[in-house]
């Protein structure tokens, strides 16, 4: 759990593909995948 939007802080993650999910009443749940590279 990261928090609620707006999220100003950046999250450190291991390199690879990560699932990103966001839920808000009255909205379709957002589910996506993001690729994180080391040092970027």
ModelCIF file with pLDDT and N, C-alpha, C, O atoms, coordinates in Angstrom:
data_MODEL
#
_entry.id   MODEL 
#
_entity.id                         1 
_entity.type                       polymer 
_entity.pdbx_number_of_molecules   1 
#
_entity_poly.entity_id                      1 
_entity_poly.type                           'polypeptide(L)' 
_entity_poly.nstd_linkage                   no 
_entity_poly.nstd_monomer                   no 
_entity_poly.pdbx_seq_one_letter_code       
;(UNK)(UNK)(UNK)(UNK)(UNK)(UNK)(UNK)(UNK)(UNK)(UNK)(UNK)(UNK)(UNK)(UNK)(UNK)(UNK)
(UNK)(UNK)(UNK)(UNK)(UNK)(UNK)(UNK)(UNK)(UNK)(UNK)(UNK)(UNK)(UNK)(UNK)(UNK)(UNK)
(UNK)(UNK)(UNK)(UNK)(UNK)(UNK)(UNK)(UNK)
;
_entity_poly.pdbx_seq_one_letter_code_can   XXXXXXXXXXXXXXXXXXXXXXXXXXXXXXXXXXXXXXXX 
_entity_poly.pdbx_strand_id                 A 
#
loop_
_entity_poly_seq.entity_id 
_entity_poly_seq.num 
_entity_poly_seq.mon_id 
_entity_poly_seq.hetero 
1 1  UNK n 
1 2  UNK n 
1 3  UNK n 
1 4  UNK n 
1 5  UNK n 
1 6  UNK n 
1 7  UNK n 
1 8  UNK n 
1 9  UNK n 
1 10 UNK n 
1 11 UNK n 
1 12 UNK n 
1 13 UNK n 
1 14 UNK n 
1 15 UNK n 
1 16 UNK n 
1 17 UNK n 
1 18 UNK n 
1 19 UNK n 
1 20 UNK n 
1 21 UNK n 
1 22 UNK n 
1 23 UNK n 
1 24 UNK n 
1 25 UNK n 
1 26 UNK n 
1 27 UNK n 
1 28 UNK n 
1 29 UNK n 
1 30 UNK n 
1 31 UNK n 
1 32 UNK n 
1 33 UNK n 
1 34 UNK n 
1 35 UNK n 
1 36 UNK n 
1 37 UNK n 
1 38 UNK n 
1 39 UNK n 
1 40 UNK n 
#
_struct_asym.id          A 
_struct_asym.entity_id   1 
#
loop_
_ma_qa_metric.id 
_ma_qa_metric.mode 
_ma_qa_metric.name 
_ma_qa_metric.software_group_id 
_ma_qa_metric.type 
1 global pLDDT . pLDDT 
2 local  pLDDT . pLDDT 
#
_ma_qa_metric_global.metric_id      1 
_ma_qa_metric_global.metric_value   87.55 
_ma_qa_metric_global.model_id       1 
_ma_qa_metric_global.ordinal_id     1 
#
loop_
_ma_qa_metric_local.label_asym_id 
_ma_qa_metric_local.label_comp_id 
_ma_qa_metric_local.label_seq_id 
_ma_qa_metric_local.metric_id 
_ma_qa_metric_local.metric_value 
_ma_qa_metric_local.model_id 
_ma_qa_metric_local.ordinal_id 
A UNK 1  2 89.00 1 1  
A UNK 2  2 87.00 1 2  
A UNK 3  2 88.00 1 3  
A UNK 4  2 90.00 1 4  
A UNK 5  2 89.00 1 5  
A UNK 6  2 90.00 1 6  
A UNK 7  2 86.00 1 7  
A UNK 8  2 85.00 1 8  
A UNK 9  2 83.00 1 9  
A UNK 10 2 85.00 1 10 
A UNK 11 2 86.00 1 11 
A UNK 12 2 85.00 1 12 
A UNK 13 2 87.00 1 13 
A UNK 14 2 87.00 1 14 
A UNK 15 2 88.00 1 15 
A UNK 16 2 89.00 1 16 
A UNK 17 2 92.00 1 17 
A UNK 18 2 91.00 1 18 
A UNK 19 2 91.00 1 19 
A UNK 20 2 89.00 1 20 
A UNK 21 2 91.00 1 21 
A UNK 22 2 91.00 1 22 
A UNK 23 2 91.00 1 23 
A UNK 24 2 89.00 1 24 
A UNK 25 2 87.00 1 25 
A UNK 26 2 83.00 1 26 
A UNK 27 2 87.00 1 27 
A UNK 28 2 88.00 1 28 
A UNK 29 2 90.00 1 29 
A UNK 30 2 90.00 1 30 
A UNK 31 2 90.00 1 31 
A UNK 32 2 87.00 1 32 
A UNK 33 2 90.00 1 33 
A UNK 34 2 88.00 1 34 
A UNK 35 2 91.00 1 35 
A UNK 36 2 87.00 1 36 
A UNK 37 2 86.00 1 37 
A UNK 38 2 81.00 1 38 
A UNK 39 2 75.00 1 39 
A UNK 40 2 83.00 1 40 
#
loop_
_atom_site.group_PDB 
_atom_site.id 
_atom_site.type_symbol 
_atom_site.label_atom_id 
_atom_site.label_alt_id 
_atom_site.label_comp_id 
_atom_site.label_asym_id 
_atom_site.label_entity_id 
_atom_site.label_seq_id 
_atom_site.pdbx_PDB_ins_code 
_atom_site.Cartn_x 
_atom_site.Cartn_y 
_atom_site.Cartn_z 
_atom_site.occupancy 
_atom_site.B_iso_or_equiv 
_atom_site.pdbx_formal_charge 
_atom_site.auth_seq_id 
_atom_site.auth_comp_id 
_atom_site.auth_asym_id 
_atom_site.auth_atom_id 
_atom_site.pdbx_PDB_model_num 
ATOM 1   N N  . UNK A 1 1  ? 0.859   -1.190 0.000   1.00 89.00 ? 1  UNK A N  1 
ATOM 2   C CA . UNK A 1 1  ? 0.000   0.000  0.000   1.00 89.00 ? 1  UNK A CA 1 
ATOM 3   C C  . UNK A 1 1  ? 0.893   1.237  0.000   1.00 89.00 ? 1  UNK A C  1 
ATOM 4   O O  . UNK A 1 1  ? 1.731   1.412  0.884   1.00 89.00 ? 1  UNK A O  1 
ATOM 5   N N  . UNK A 1 2  ? 0.700   2.094  -1.007  1.00 87.00 ? 2  UNK A N  1 
ATOM 6   C CA . UNK A 1 2  ? 1.528   3.288  -1.146  1.00 87.00 ? 2  UNK A CA 1 
ATOM 7   C C  . UNK A 1 2  ? 0.877   4.489  -0.481  1.00 87.00 ? 2  UNK A C  1 
ATOM 8   O O  . UNK A 1 2  ? 1.557   5.279  0.173   1.00 87.00 ? 2  UNK A O  1 
ATOM 9   N N  . UNK A 1 3  ? -0.440  4.638  -0.642  1.00 88.00 ? 3  UNK A N  1 
ATOM 10  C CA . UNK A 1 3  ? -1.142  5.779  -0.074  1.00 88.00 ? 3  UNK A CA 1 
ATOM 11  C C  . UNK A 1 3  ? -2.281  6.195  -0.988  1.00 88.00 ? 3  UNK A C  1 
ATOM 12  O O  . UNK A 1 3  ? -2.716  5.417  -1.838  1.00 88.00 ? 3  UNK A O  1 
ATOM 13  N N  . UNK A 1 4  ? -2.764  7.415  -0.818  1.00 90.00 ? 4  UNK A N  1 
ATOM 14  C CA . UNK A 1 4  ? -3.850  7.925  -1.642  1.00 90.00 ? 4  UNK A CA 1 
ATOM 15  C C  . UNK A 1 4  ? -3.347  9.097  -2.470  1.00 90.00 ? 4  UNK A C  1 
ATOM 16  O O  . UNK A 1 4  ? -2.487  9.864  -2.038  1.00 90.00 ? 4  UNK A O  1 
ATOM 17  N N  . UNK A 1 5  ? -3.902  9.216  -3.666  1.00 89.00 ? 5  UNK A N  1 
ATOM 18  C CA . UNK A 1 5  ? -3.506  10.303 -4.555  1.00 89.00 ? 5  UNK A CA 1 
ATOM 19  C C  . UNK A 1 5  ? -4.012  11.642 -4.031  1.00 89.00 ? 5  UNK A C  1 
ATOM 20  O O  . UNK A 1 5  ? -5.087  11.712 -3.435  1.00 89.00 ? 5  UNK A O  1 
ATOM 21  N N  . UNK A 1 6  ? -3.235  12.712 -4.255  1.00 90.00 ? 6  UNK A N  1 
ATOM 22  C CA . UNK A 1 6  ? -1.971  12.761 -5.012  1.00 90.00 ? 6  UNK A CA 1 
ATOM 23  C C  . UNK A 1 6  ? -0.796  12.236 -4.201  1.00 90.00 ? 6  UNK A C  1 
ATOM 24  O O  . UNK A 1 6  ? -0.699  12.495 -3.002  1.00 90.00 ? 6  UNK A O  1 
ATOM 25  N N  . UNK A 1 7  ? 0.095   11.498 -4.856  1.00 86.00 ? 7  UNK A N  1 
ATOM 26  C CA . UNK A 1 7  ? 1.276   10.938 -4.208  1.00 86.00 ? 7  UNK A CA 1 
ATOM 27  C C  . UNK A 1 7  ? 2.488   11.714 -4.710  1.00 86.00 ? 7  UNK A C  1 
ATOM 28  O O  . UNK A 1 7  ? 2.866   11.598 -5.876  1.00 86.00 ? 7  UNK A O  1 
ATOM 29  N N  . UNK A 1 8  ? 3.084   12.493 -3.841  1.00 85.00 ? 8  UNK A N  1 
ATOM 30  C CA . UNK A 1 8  ? 4.205   13.350 -4.226  1.00 85.00 ? 8  UNK A CA 1 
ATOM 31  C C  . UNK A 1 8  ? 5.548   12.638 -4.102  1.00 85.00 ? 8  UNK A C  1 
ATOM 32  O O  . UNK A 1 8  ? 6.494   12.971 -4.815  1.00 85.00 ? 8  UNK A O  1 
ATOM 33  N N  . UNK A 1 9  ? 5.636   11.661 -3.201  1.00 83.00 ? 9  UNK A N  1 
ATOM 34  C CA . UNK A 1 9  ? 6.912   10.975 -2.990  1.00 83.00 ? 9  UNK A CA 1 
ATOM 35  C C  . UNK A 1 9  ? 7.136   9.931  -4.078  1.00 83.00 ? 9  UNK A C  1 
ATOM 36  O O  . UNK A 1 9  ? 6.188   9.378  -4.635  1.00 83.00 ? 9  UNK A O  1 
ATOM 37  N N  . UNK A 1 10 ? 8.396   9.677  -4.366  1.00 85.00 ? 10 UNK A N  1 
ATOM 38  C CA . UNK A 1 10 ? 8.770   8.642  -5.328  1.00 85.00 ? 10 UNK A CA 1 
ATOM 39  C C  . UNK A 1 10 ? 9.046   7.338  -4.600  1.00 85.00 ? 10 UNK A C  1 
ATOM 40  O O  . UNK A 1 10 ? 9.505   7.342  -3.457  1.00 85.00 ? 10 UNK A O  1 
ATOM 41  N N  . UNK A 1 11 ? 8.770   6.236  -5.253  1.00 86.00 ? 11 UNK A N  1 
ATOM 42  C CA . UNK A 1 11 ? 8.878   4.913  -4.630  1.00 86.00 ? 11 UNK A CA 1 
ATOM 43  C C  . UNK A 1 11 ? 10.072  4.174  -5.222  1.00 86.00 ? 11 UNK A C  1 
ATOM 44  O O  . UNK A 1 11 ? 10.203  4.063  -6.441  1.00 86.00 ? 11 UNK A O  1 
ATOM 45  N N  . UNK A 1 12 ? 10.934  3.676  -4.357  1.00 85.00 ? 12 UNK A N  1 
ATOM 46  C CA . UNK A 1 12 ? 12.080  2.879  -4.791  1.00 85.00 ? 12 UNK A CA 1 
ATOM 47  C C  . UNK A 1 12 ? 11.633  1.427  -4.986  1.00 85.00 ? 12 UNK A C  1 
ATOM 48  O O  . UNK A 1 12 ? 11.036  0.829  -4.090  1.00 85.00 ? 12 UNK A O  1 
ATOM 49  N N  . UNK A 1 13 ? 11.926  0.866  -6.163  1.00 87.00 ? 13 UNK A N  1 
ATOM 50  C CA . UNK A 1 13 ? 11.506  -0.495 -6.491  1.00 87.00 ? 13 UNK A CA 1 
ATOM 51  C C  . UNK A 1 13 ? 12.661  -1.261 -7.113  1.00 87.00 ? 13 UNK A C  1 
ATOM 52  O O  . UNK A 1 13 ? 13.578  -0.679 -7.691  1.00 87.00 ? 13 UNK A O  1 
ATOM 53  N N  . UNK A 1 14 ? 12.594  -2.566 -6.981  1.00 87.00 ? 14 UNK A N  1 
ATOM 54  C CA . UNK A 1 14 ? 13.582  -3.403 -7.645  1.00 87.00 ? 14 UNK A CA 1 
ATOM 55  C C  . UNK A 1 14 ? 13.324  -3.396 -9.146  1.00 87.00 ? 14 UNK A C  1 
ATOM 56  O O  . UNK A 1 14 ? 12.176  -3.238 -9.562  1.00 87.00 ? 14 UNK A O  1 
ATOM 57  N N  . UNK A 1 15 ? 14.346  -3.560 -9.964  1.00 88.00 ? 15 UNK A N  1 
ATOM 58  C CA . UNK A 1 15 ? 14.132  -3.574 -11.421 1.00 88.00 ? 15 UNK A CA 1 
ATOM 59  C C  . UNK A 1 15 ? 13.195  -4.709 -11.820 1.00 88.00 ? 15 UNK A C  1 
ATOM 60  O O  . UNK A 1 15 ? 13.225  -5.792 -11.236 1.00 88.00 ? 15 UNK A O  1 
ATOM 61  N N  . UNK A 1 16 ? 12.373  -4.445 -12.815 1.00 89.00 ? 16 UNK A N  1 
ATOM 62  C CA . UNK A 1 16 ? 11.434  -5.450 -13.303 1.00 89.00 ? 16 UNK A CA 1 
ATOM 63  C C  . UNK A 1 16 ? 10.048  -4.878 -13.504 1.00 89.00 ? 16 UNK A C  1 
ATOM 64  O O  . UNK A 1 16 ? 9.845   -3.664 -13.467 1.00 89.00 ? 16 UNK A O  1 
ATOM 65  N N  . UNK A 1 17 ? 9.089   -5.780 -13.719 1.00 92.00 ? 17 UNK A N  1 
ATOM 66  C CA . UNK A 1 17 ? 7.706   -5.391 -13.972 1.00 92.00 ? 17 UNK A CA 1 
ATOM 67  C C  . UNK A 1 17 ? 6.926   -5.427 -12.657 1.00 92.00 ? 17 UNK A C  1 
ATOM 68  O O  . UNK A 1 17 ? 6.991   -6.404 -11.911 1.00 92.00 ? 17 UNK A O  1 
ATOM 69  N N  . UNK A 1 18 ? 6.203   -4.370 -12.388 1.00 91.00 ? 18 UNK A N  1 
ATOM 70  C CA . UNK A 1 18 ? 5.407   -4.266 -11.154 1.00 91.00 ? 18 UNK A CA 1 
ATOM 71  C C  . UNK A 1 18 ? 3.958   -3.928 -11.506 1.00 91.00 ? 18 UNK A C  1 
ATOM 72  O O  . UNK A 1 18 ? 3.682   -3.217 -12.473 1.00 91.00 ? 18 UNK A O  1 
ATOM 73  N N  . UNK A 1 19 ? 3.035   -4.463 -10.686 1.00 91.00 ? 19 UNK A N  1 
ATOM 74  C CA . UNK A 1 19 ? 1.618   -4.172 -10.894 1.00 91.00 ? 19 UNK A CA 1 
ATOM 75  C C  . UNK A 1 19 ? 1.223   -2.935 -10.106 1.00 91.00 ? 19 UNK A C  1 
ATOM 76  O O  . UNK A 1 19 ? 1.559   -2.789 -8.931  1.00 91.00 ? 19 UNK A O  1 
ATOM 77  N N  . UNK A 1 20 ? 0.511   -2.058 -10.774 1.00 89.00 ? 20 UNK A N  1 
ATOM 78  C CA . UNK A 1 20 ? 0.035   -0.820 -10.161 1.00 89.00 ? 20 UNK A CA 1 
ATOM 79  C C  . UNK A 1 20 ? -1.486  -0.846 -10.146 1.00 89.00 ? 20 UNK A C  1 
ATOM 80  O O  . UNK A 1 20 ? -2.112  -1.045 -11.187 1.00 89.00 ? 20 UNK A O  1 
ATOM 81  N N  . UNK A 1 21 ? -2.091  -0.646 -8.965  1.00 91.00 ? 21 UNK A N  1 
ATOM 82  C CA . UNK A 1 21 ? -3.540  -0.695 -8.827  1.00 91.00 ? 21 UNK A CA 1 
ATOM 83  C C  . UNK A 1 21 ? -4.020  0.530  -8.051  1.00 91.00 ? 21 UNK A C  1 
ATOM 84  O O  . UNK A 1 21 ? -3.390  0.957  -7.083  1.00 91.00 ? 21 UNK A O  1 
ATOM 85  N N  . UNK A 1 22 ? -5.146  1.084  -8.495  1.00 91.00 ? 22 UNK A N  1 
ATOM 86  C CA . UNK A 1 22 ? -5.748  2.230  -7.810  1.00 91.00 ? 22 UNK A CA 1 
ATOM 87  C C  . UNK A 1 22 ? -7.249  2.016  -7.736  1.00 91.00 ? 22 UNK A C  1 
ATOM 88  O O  . UNK A 1 22 ? -7.873  1.607  -8.715  1.00 91.00 ? 22 UNK A O  1 
ATOM 89  N N  . UNK A 1 23 ? -7.833  2.294  -6.569  1.00 91.00 ? 23 UNK A N  1 
ATOM 90  C CA . UNK A 1 23 ? -9.271  2.120  -6.344  1.00 91.00 ? 23 UNK A CA 1 
ATOM 91  C C  . UNK A 1 23 ? -9.858  3.421  -5.806  1.00 91.00 ? 23 UNK A C  1 
ATOM 92  O O  . UNK A 1 23 ? -9.285  4.074  -4.934  1.00 91.00 ? 23 UNK A O  1 
ATOM 93  N N  . UNK A 1 24 ? -11.025 3.777  -6.356  1.00 89.00 ? 24 UNK A N  1 
ATOM 94  C CA . UNK A 1 24 ? -11.727 4.979  -5.928  1.00 89.00 ? 24 UNK A CA 1 
ATOM 95  C C  . UNK A 1 24 ? -13.218 4.749  -6.124  1.00 89.00 ? 24 UNK A C  1 
ATOM 96  O O  . UNK A 1 24 ? -13.640 4.319  -7.198  1.00 89.00 ? 24 UNK A O  1 
ATOM 97  N N  . UNK A 1 25 ? -14.020 5.030  -5.102  1.00 87.00 ? 25 UNK A N  1 
ATOM 98  C CA . UNK A 1 25 ? -15.463 4.832  -5.191  1.00 87.00 ? 25 UNK A CA 1 
ATOM 99  C C  . UNK A 1 25 ? -16.028 5.601  -6.377  1.00 87.00 ? 25 UNK A C  1 
ATOM 100 O O  . UNK A 1 25 ? -15.716 6.770  -6.604  1.00 87.00 ? 25 UNK A O  1 
ATOM 101 N N  . UNK A 1 26 ? -16.885 4.883  -7.135  1.00 83.00 ? 26 UNK A N  1 
ATOM 102 C CA . UNK A 1 26 ? -17.513 5.512  -8.288  1.00 83.00 ? 26 UNK A CA 1 
ATOM 103 C C  . UNK A 1 26 ? -16.691 5.416  -9.555  1.00 83.00 ? 26 UNK A C  1 
ATOM 104 O O  . UNK A 1 26 ? -17.079 5.963  -10.587 1.00 83.00 ? 26 UNK A O  1 
ATOM 105 N N  . UNK A 1 27 ? -15.532 4.711  -9.490  1.00 87.00 ? 27 UNK A N  1 
ATOM 106 C CA . UNK A 1 27 ? -14.661 4.602  -10.650 1.00 87.00 ? 27 UNK A CA 1 
ATOM 107 C C  . UNK A 1 27 ? -14.259 3.148  -10.872 1.00 87.00 ? 27 UNK A C  1 
ATOM 108 O O  . UNK A 1 27 ? -14.198 2.356  -9.932  1.00 87.00 ? 27 UNK A O  1 
ATOM 109 N N  . UNK A 1 28 ? -13.991 2.818  -12.107 1.00 88.00 ? 28 UNK A N  1 
ATOM 110 C CA . UNK A 1 28 ? -13.507 1.487  -12.446 1.00 88.00 ? 28 UNK A CA 1 
ATOM 111 C C  . UNK A 1 28 ? -12.107 1.318  -11.853 1.00 88.00 ? 28 UNK A C  1 
ATOM 112 O O  . UNK A 1 28 ? -11.276 2.208  -12.031 1.00 88.00 ? 28 UNK A O  1 
ATOM 113 N N  . UNK A 1 29 ? -11.812 0.225  -11.162 1.00 90.00 ? 29 UNK A N  1 
ATOM 114 C CA . UNK A 1 29 ? -10.461 0.028  -10.619 1.00 90.00 ? 29 UNK A CA 1 
ATOM 115 C C  . UNK A 1 29 ? -9.408  0.105  -11.718 1.00 90.00 ? 29 UNK A C  1 
ATOM 116 O O  . UNK A 1 29 ? -9.558  -0.491 -12.784 1.00 90.00 ? 29 UNK A O  1 
ATOM 117 N N  . UNK A 1 30 ? -8.346  0.846  -11.442 1.00 90.00 ? 30 UNK A N  1 
ATOM 118 C CA . UNK A 1 30 ? -7.242  0.978  -12.399 1.00 90.00 ? 30 UNK A CA 1 
ATOM 119 C C  . UNK A 1 30 ? -6.217  -0.104 -12.105 1.00 90.00 ? 30 UNK A C  1 
ATOM 120 O O  . UNK A 1 30 ? -5.741  -0.235 -10.977 1.00 90.00 ? 30 UNK A O  1 
ATOM 121 N N  . UNK A 1 31 ? -5.883  -0.876 -13.129 1.00 90.00 ? 31 UNK A N  1 
ATOM 122 C CA . UNK A 1 31 ? -4.858  -1.912 -12.997 1.00 90.00 ? 31 UNK A CA 1 
ATOM 123 C C  . UNK A 1 31 ? -3.916  -1.778 -14.181 1.00 90.00 ? 31 UNK A C  1 
ATOM 124 O O  . UNK A 1 31 ? -4.350  -1.810 -15.332 1.00 90.00 ? 31 UNK A O  1 
ATOM 125 N N  . UNK A 1 32 ? -2.654  -1.632 -13.906 1.00 87.00 ? 32 UNK A N  1 
ATOM 126 C CA . UNK A 1 32 ? -1.666  -1.517 -14.965 1.00 87.00 ? 32 UNK A CA 1 
ATOM 127 C C  . UNK A 1 32 ? -0.350  -2.136 -14.537 1.00 87.00 ? 32 UNK A C  1 
ATOM 128 O O  . UNK A 1 32 ? -0.165  -2.502 -13.376 1.00 87.00 ? 32 UNK A O  1 
ATOM 129 N N  . UNK A 1 33 ? 0.555   -2.245 -15.488 1.00 90.00 ? 33 UNK A N  1 
ATOM 130 C CA . UNK A 1 33 ? 1.880   -2.796 -15.210 1.00 90.00 ? 33 UNK A CA 1 
ATOM 131 C C  . UNK A 1 33 ? 2.935   -1.792 -15.680 1.00 90.00 ? 33 UNK A C  1 
ATOM 132 O O  . UNK A 1 33 ? 2.814   -1.191 -16.748 1.00 90.00 ? 33 UNK A O  1 
ATOM 133 N N  . UNK A 1 34 ? 3.953   -1.629 -14.867 1.00 88.00 ? 34 UNK A N  1 
ATOM 134 C CA . UNK A 1 34 ? 5.013   -0.671 -15.174 1.00 88.00 ? 34 UNK A CA 1 
ATOM 135 C C  . UNK A 1 34 ? 6.360   -1.360 -15.028 1.00 88.00 ? 34 UNK A C  1 
ATOM 136 O O  . UNK A 1 34 ? 6.582   -2.147 -14.108 1.00 88.00 ? 34 UNK A O  1 
ATOM 137 N N  . UNK A 1 35 ? 7.256   -1.045 -15.961 1.00 91.00 ? 35 UNK A N  1 
ATOM 138 C CA . UNK A 1 35 ? 8.606   -1.617 -15.943 1.00 91.00 ? 35 UNK A CA 1 
ATOM 139 C C  . UNK A 1 35 ? 9.578   -0.608 -15.368 1.00 91.00 ? 35 UNK A C  1 
ATOM 140 O O  . UNK A 1 35 ? 9.700   0.512  -15.864 1.00 91.00 ? 35 UNK A O  1 
ATOM 141 N N  . UNK A 1 36 ? 10.269  -1.017 -14.315 1.00 87.00 ? 36 UNK A N  1 
ATOM 142 C CA . UNK A 1 36 ? 11.226  -0.143 -13.630 1.00 87.00 ? 36 UNK A CA 1 
ATOM 143 C C  . UNK A 1 36 ? 12.634  -0.634 -13.942 1.00 87.00 ? 36 UNK A C  1 
ATOM 144 O O  . UNK A 1 36 ? 12.922  -1.827 -13.852 1.00 87.00 ? 36 UNK A O  1 
ATOM 145 N N  . UNK A 1 37 ? 13.509  0.304  -14.311 1.00 86.00 ? 37 UNK A N  1 
ATOM 146 C CA . UNK A 1 37 ? 14.902  -0.017 -14.597 1.00 86.00 ? 37 UNK A CA 1 
ATOM 147 C C  . UNK A 1 37 ? 15.792  0.576  -13.519 1.00 86.00 ? 37 UNK A C  1 
ATOM 148 O O  . UNK A 1 37 ? 15.496  1.629  -12.955 1.00 86.00 ? 37 UNK A O  1 
ATOM 149 N N  . UNK A 1 38 ? 16.882  -0.117 -13.245 1.00 81.00 ? 38 UNK A N  1 
ATOM 150 C CA . UNK A 1 38 ? 17.806  0.332  -12.208 1.00 81.00 ? 38 UNK A CA 1 
ATOM 151 C C  . UNK A 1 38 ? 18.435  1.666  -12.579 1.00 81.00 ? 38 UNK A C  1 
ATOM 152 O O  . UNK A 1 38 ? 18.879  1.871  -13.708 1.00 81.00 ? 38 UNK A O  1 
ATOM 153 N N  . UNK A 1 39 ? 18.465  2.566  -11.606 1.00 75.00 ? 39 UNK A N  1 
ATOM 154 C CA . UNK A 1 39 ? 19.112  3.848  -11.803 1.00 75.00 ? 39 UNK A CA 1 
ATOM 155 C C  . UNK A 1 39 ? 18.311  4.860  -12.595 1.00 75.00 ? 39 UNK A C  1 
ATOM 156 O O  . UNK A 1 39 ? 18.829  5.930  -12.914 1.00 75.00 ? 39 UNK A O  1 
ATOM 157 N N  . UNK A 1 40 ? 17.060  4.557  -12.924 1.00 83.00 ? 40 UNK A N  1 
ATOM 158 C CA . UNK A 1 40 ? 16.241  5.490  -13.698 1.00 83.00 ? 40 UNK A CA 1 
ATOM 159 C C  . UNK A 1 40 ? 14.929  5.768  -12.956 1.00 83.00 ? 40 UNK A C  1 
ATOM 160 O O  . UNK A 1 40 ? 14.095  6.532  -13.442 1.00 83.00 ? 40 UNK A O  1 
#
